[in-house]
Amino acid sequence: MQKLDNLTSHLSSEYDLQIANTIPYYNFFHQEILNLVESMDINPKYWLDTGCGTGNLVEKALQKFQSTVFILADPSADMLNKAKEKLENNKNVEFLEPTPSQDISLSDPVDVITSIQSHHYLSEDERYKAVKSCYNNLNENGVYVTFENISPLTDKGTEIGKEYWRKFQISMGKTVVDADNHIKRFGVEYFPITVEDHLSLLRKSGFSVVEMFWYSYMQAGFYCIK
């Protein structure tokens, strides 16, 4: 069995294809983040993408924010190498050494931090540290945008949500076995929390503005302002 690159269920070599077949509307997450930041009164000079994976978000963002310097971080060296291959020779891209969100400490704060499907593998304490690290690494009035897997509010809602998500994966070409195995990881290998708990966590971390701007299947998007 091949070793996984990090805590995702996908090898870095397969990540781009598999993530789109696993997370409904995944590619829309990127576009909605860019649309959101464009809608704000902000002209980001520096933008940190933590849990950057293979660099998909930054690849798209470079086309819209051509004067912004993007800093990419991920706990997986293999993921970072894939991102470097994708974004090589771009003067507006910098890479940190393999680092999880909770351990990032930038010498200078940034204007935007993004985190897509990065923190649901963490324990409650580590998740708080990760979000607090993002808060600490932002400039005043800086923007934090995150998408994460979500736990429904009730047991019945969770049951329905899992089946809803399972059927999506099968419709995208996954085998029944692969889809079942992914759903079995819910609450065992990754640990979604409710929308209410997300909002509470973000407020606890210090953000003055905390909003949800996306919800589909069992994923949600939030933005915050420091």
Foldseek 3Di string as FASTA:
>chain_A
DDDDQDLDPDHLVCPVVVVPLQDDPVVVVLVVVLVVVVPDPDLWQEEEEFQCFLPPSVVVVCVVNVNHAYEYEAQGPRRVVNNCVVCPPRPRYHYDDHDHQLPDDDPAATQEYEYEARQQQDDPVSSLSNLLSNVVRHDAQGKYKYKHFAADPDPVVNVVLLVVSLVSSVVSPDDNVVSVVVSVCDCPRGDHYHPVVVQVSNVVSPFPDKDWDDDDRGMTMIMTTD
